[in-house]
């Protein structure tokens, strides 16, 4: 989330506070369901299929985008898209970086 904050801050100084807020909200809309999914899959009482969790994740993200644009109709769609793209790809990139560096049990052959 720190990378999103730094990127949103840089965009905020260049284009304005509203763009910065839209980038942050776009990332939050994607990261909240992702965090819920991670917590649900790692809990001991996870009885649902991962397919249902994936469906719930994307449904929650769609509801988040609908709520965002309903509550803030003046949001810049490209800024929200940029924030959501960073929020979508950032966790995967951090895990891949950790595996390559051996932090998460990757081999150092």
Protein backbone atom coordinates (compact mmCIF):
# COMPACT_ATOMS: atom_id res chain seq x y z
CA UNK A 1 0.00 0.00 0.00
CA UNK A 2 3.00 2.25 0.51
CA UNK A 3 3.78 2.13 -3.21
CA UNK A 4 0.20 3.14 -3.99
CA UNK A 5 0.44 6.04 -1.51
CA UNK A 6 3.70 7.28 -3.00
CA UNK A 7 2.34 7.01 -6.54
CA UNK A 8 -0.89 8.75 -5.55
CA UNK A 9 1.07 11.48 -3.80
CA UNK A 10 3.21 12.07 -6.88
CA UNK A 11 0.11 12.20 -9.07
CA UNK A 12 -1.52 14.52 -6.55
CA UNK A 13 1.32 17.01 -6.72
CA UNK A 14 1.33 16.88 -10.52
CA UNK A 15 -2.39 16.81 -11.30
CA UNK A 16 -4.29 17.67 -8.13
CA UNK A 17 -5.71 16.20 -4.97
CA UNK A 18 -8.78 14.73 -6.66
CA UNK A 19 -6.64 12.56 -8.96
CA UNK A 20 -4.64 11.38 -5.97
CA UNK A 21 -7.79 10.45 -4.08
CA UNK A 22 -9.18 8.60 -7.10
CA UNK A 23 -5.98 6.55 -7.41
CA UNK A 24 -6.13 5.65 -3.71
CA UNK A 25 -9.81 4.72 -3.87
CA UNK A 26 -9.25 2.58 -6.97
CA UNK A 27 -6.53 0.66 -5.16
CA UNK A 28 -8.65 0.27 -2.03
CA UNK A 29 -11.59 -1.11 -4.05
CA UNK A 30 -9.31 -3.87 -5.33
CA UNK A 31 -7.20 -4.48 -2.21
CA UNK A 32 -10.05 -4.86 0.30
CA UNK A 33 -11.60 -7.92 -1.42
CA UNK A 34 -8.10 -9.31 -2.01
CA UNK A 35 -7.28 -8.99 1.69
CA UNK A 36 -10.59 -10.58 2.64
CA UNK A 37 -9.86 -13.46 0.26
CA UNK A 38 -6.40 -13.99 1.74
CA UNK A 39 -7.77 -14.04 5.26
CA UNK A 40 -10.61 -16.38 4.30
CA UNK A 41 -8.39 -18.88 2.52
CA UNK A 42 -5.89 -19.05 5.37
CA UNK A 43 -8.47 -19.49 8.13
CA UNK A 44 -8.93 -22.93 9.64
CA UNK A 45 -12.67 -22.91 8.93
CA UNK A 46 -12.38 -22.29 5.19
CA UNK A 47 -14.94 -24.76 3.84
CA UNK A 48 -15.89 -23.05 0.60
CA UNK A 49 -14.32 -23.84 -2.70
CA UNK A 50 -11.68 -21.41 -3.98
CA UNK A 51 -13.89 -20.89 -7.03
CA UNK A 52 -16.59 -19.38 -4.81
CA UNK A 53 -14.01 -17.20 -3.08
CA UNK A 54 -12.79 -15.92 -6.43
CA UNK A 55 -16.33 -15.19 -7.53
CA UNK A 56 -17.00 -13.37 -4.26
CA UNK A 57 -13.78 -11.38 -4.63
CA UNK A 58 -14.63 -10.06 -8.07
CA UNK A 59 -18.25 -9.47 -7.12
CA UNK A 60 -17.15 -7.41 -4.12
CA UNK A 61 -14.76 -5.44 -6.33
CA UNK A 62 -17.56 -4.77 -8.83
CA UNK A 63 -19.80 -3.58 -6.00
CA UNK A 64 -16.96 -1.39 -4.76
CA UNK A 65 -16.55 0.25 -8.16
CA UNK A 66 -20.31 0.76 -8.44
CA UNK A 67 -20.38 2.36 -4.99
CA UNK A 68 -17.34 4.51 -5.77
CA UNK A 69 -18.82 5.95 -8.95
CA UNK A 70 -22.26 6.33 -7.36
CA UNK A 71 -20.91 8.22 -4.35
CA UNK A 72 -18.30 10.19 -6.32
CA UNK A 73 -19.72 10.75 -9.82
CA UNK A 74 -16.95 13.22 -10.62
CA UNK A 75 -14.20 10.61 -10.23
CA UNK A 76 -11.67 10.37 -13.04
CA UNK A 77 -12.08 6.88 -14.52
CA UNK A 78 -8.46 6.63 -15.71
CA UNK A 79 -7.13 7.51 -12.26
CA UNK A 80 -9.40 4.91 -10.65
CA UNK A 81 -8.29 2.38 -13.27
CA UNK A 82 -4.62 3.18 -12.64
CA UNK A 83 -5.06 2.76 -8.90
CA UNK A 84 -6.93 -0.50 -9.31
CA UNK A 85 -4.29 -1.83 -11.71
CA UNK A 86 -1.55 -1.08 -9.21
CA UNK A 87 -3.62 -2.66 -6.45
CA UNK A 88 -4.26 -5.73 -8.59
CA UNK A 89 -0.69 -6.38 -9.73
CA UNK A 90 1.28 -5.12 -6.72
CA UNK A 91 0.66 -8.10 -4.39
CA UNK A 92 1.63 -10.56 -7.12
CA UNK A 93 4.77 -8.60 -7.95
CA UNK A 94 5.80 -8.45 -4.29
CA UNK A 95 5.31 -12.20 -3.86
CA UNK A 96 7.26 -12.92 -7.03
CA UNK A 97 10.07 -10.62 -5.86
CA UNK A 98 10.10 -12.38 -2.50
CA UNK A 99 10.31 -15.81 -4.13
CA UNK A 100 13.16 -14.74 -6.38
CA UNK A 101 15.08 -13.34 -3.43
CA UNK A 102 14.47 -16.49 -1.35
CA UNK A 103 12.38 -14.66 1.24
CA UNK A 104 9.33 -16.96 0.90
CA UNK A 105 11.08 -20.30 0.57
CA UNK A 106 12.30 -19.92 -3.00
CA UNK A 107 15.41 -21.84 -3.93
CA UNK A 108 18.67 -20.03 -4.40
CA UNK A 109 20.19 -22.42 -6.95
